[in-house]
Amino acid sequence: MDTQSAMIDLFMNLGALIGPILGGFLHSKIGYRHAMDVWMMSLIVITFIYAIFNCGFDIFKKSNQ
């Protein structure tokens, strides 16, 4: 349980560090609108990866049985 909590804190803090740096870089290089498009596409990809690995394989197992 302690390891899970530490991993959640690690990734949240890592995201809090990298997010503004990457956002500022993208804003200065490609502009606000395109930076938000990149951010939206990355969130969609992360959502699909999460859904597939959390729910997807269980759905396929139930339909095969």
C-alpha atoms as a PDB file:
ATOM      1  CA  MET A   1       0.000   0.000   0.000  1.00  0.00           C
ATOM      2  CA  ASP A   2       2.847   2.415   0.809  1.00  0.00           C
ATOM      3  CA  THR A   3       4.503   1.702  -2.526  1.00  0.00           C
ATOM      4  CA  GLN A   4       1.326   2.533  -4.433  1.00  0.00           C
ATOM      5  CA  SER A   5       0.944   5.797  -2.575  1.00  0.00           C
ATOM      6  CA  ALA A   6       4.572   6.682  -3.248  1.00  0.00           C
ATOM      7  CA  MET A   7       4.189   5.925  -6.965  1.00  0.00           C
ATOM      8  CA  ILE A   8       1.043   8.069  -7.225  1.00  0.00           C
ATOM      9  CA  ASP A   9       2.814  10.943  -5.471  1.00  0.00           C
ATOM     10  CA  LEU A  10       5.891  10.511  -7.682  1.00  0.00           C
ATOM     11  CA  PHE A  11       3.947  10.699 -10.929  1.00  0.00           C
ATOM     12  CA  MET A  12       1.730  13.557  -9.761  1.00  0.00           C
ATOM     13  CA  ASN A  13       4.767  15.598  -8.744  1.00  0.00           C
ATOM     14  CA  LEU A  14       6.616  14.666 -11.923  1.00  0.00           C
ATOM     15  CA  GLY A  15       3.634  15.832 -13.959  1.00  0.00           C
ATOM     16  CA  ALA A  16       3.476  19.062 -11.950  1.00  0.00           C
ATOM     17  CA  LEU A  17       7.127  19.661 -12.827  1.00  0.00           C
ATOM     18  CA  ILE A  18       7.126  18.624 -16.481  1.00  0.00           C
ATOM     19  CA  GLY A  19       3.673  19.979 -17.418  1.00  0.00           C
ATOM     20  CA  PRO A  20       4.407  23.703 -17.158  1.00  0.00           C
ATOM     21  CA  ILE A  21       7.853  23.292 -18.724  1.00  0.00           C
ATOM     22  CA  LEU A  22       6.493  21.365 -21.709  1.00  0.00           C
ATOM     23  CA  GLY A  23       3.466  23.653 -21.973  1.00  0.00           C
ATOM     24  CA  GLY A  24       5.635  26.764 -22.027  1.00  0.00           C
ATOM     25  CA  PHE A  25       7.942  25.236 -24.627  1.00  0.00           C
ATOM     26  CA  LEU A  26       5.053  24.245 -26.889  1.00  0.00           C
ATOM     27  CA  HIS A  27       3.382  27.640 -26.444  1.00  0.00           C
ATOM     28  CA  SER A  28       6.526  29.486 -27.481  1.00  0.00           C
ATOM     29  CA  LYS A  29       7.330  27.180 -30.422  1.00  0.00           C
ATOM     30  CA  ILE A  30       3.952  26.438 -32.033  1.00  0.00           C
ATOM     31  CA  GLY A  31       1.504  28.852 -30.403  1.00  0.00           C
ATOM     32  CA  TYR A  32      -1.359  28.445 -27.969  1.00  0.00           C
ATOM     33  CA  ARG A  33      -3.935  26.879 -30.301  1.00  0.00           C
ATOM     34  CA  HIS A  34      -1.631  24.173 -31.644  1.00  0.00           C
ATOM     35  CA  ALA A  35      -0.217  23.492 -28.168  1.00  0.00           C
ATOM     36  CA  MET A  36      -3.761  22.828 -26.927  1.00  0.00           C
ATOM     37  CA  ASP A  37      -4.342  20.518 -29.920  1.00  0.00           C
ATOM     38  CA  VAL A  38      -1.224  18.533 -28.974  1.00  0.00           C
ATOM     39  CA  TRP A  39      -2.400  18.394 -25.345  1.00  0.00           C
ATOM     40  CA  MET A  40      -5.888  17.230 -26.369  1.00  0.00           C
ATOM     41  CA  MET A  41      -4.508  14.464 -28.594  1.00  0.00           C
ATOM     42  CA  SER A  42      -2.162  13.256 -25.856  1.00  0.00           C
ATOM     43  CA  LEU A  43      -5.069  13.091 -23.380  1.00  0.00           C
ATOM     44  CA  ILE A  44      -7.167  11.103 -25.852  1.00  0.00           C
ATOM     45  CA  VAL A  45      -4.325   8.622 -26.408  1.00  0.00           C
ATOM     46  CA  ILE A  46      -3.762   8.251 -22.659  1.00  0.00           C
ATOM     47  CA  THR A  47      -7.517   7.695 -22.149  1.00  0.00           C
ATOM     48  CA  PHE A  48      -7.613   4.922 -24.763  1.00  0.00           C
ATOM     49  CA  ILE A  49      -4.533   3.246 -23.291  1.00  0.00           C
ATOM     50  CA  TYR A  50      -6.099   3.396 -19.819  1.00  0.00           C
ATOM     51  CA  ALA A  51      -9.428   2.014 -21.056  1.00  0.00           C
ATOM     52  CA  ILE A  52      -7.829  -0.832 -22.988  1.00  0.00           C
ATOM     53  CA  PHE A  53      -5.567  -1.996 -20.173  1.00  0.00           C
ATOM     54  CA  ASN A  54      -8.151  -1.521 -17.401  1.00  0.00           C
ATOM     55  CA  CYS A  55     -11.353  -2.689 -19.085  1.00  0.00           C
ATOM     56  CA  GLY A  56     -10.593  -3.944 -22.565  1.00  0.00           C
ATOM     57  CA  PHE A  57      -9.050  -7.306 -21.829  1.00  0.00           C
ATOM     58  CA  ASP A  58     -11.779  -8.241 -19.341  1.00  0.00           C
ATOM     59  CA  ILE A  59     -14.461  -7.495 -21.924  1.00  0.00           C
ATOM     60  CA  PHE A  60     -12.739  -9.776 -24.437  1.00  0.00           C
ATOM     61  CA  LYS A  61     -12.425 -12.581 -21.856  1.00  0.00           C
ATOM     62  CA  LYS A  62     -16.157 -12.424 -21.023  1.00  0.00           C
ATOM     63  CA  SER A  63     -17.227 -12.447 -24.661  1.00  0.00           C
ATOM     64  CA  ASN A  64     -15.052 -15.496 -25.440  1.00  0.00           C
ATOM     65  CA  GLN A  65     -16.555 -17.537 -22.616  1.00  0.00           C
END
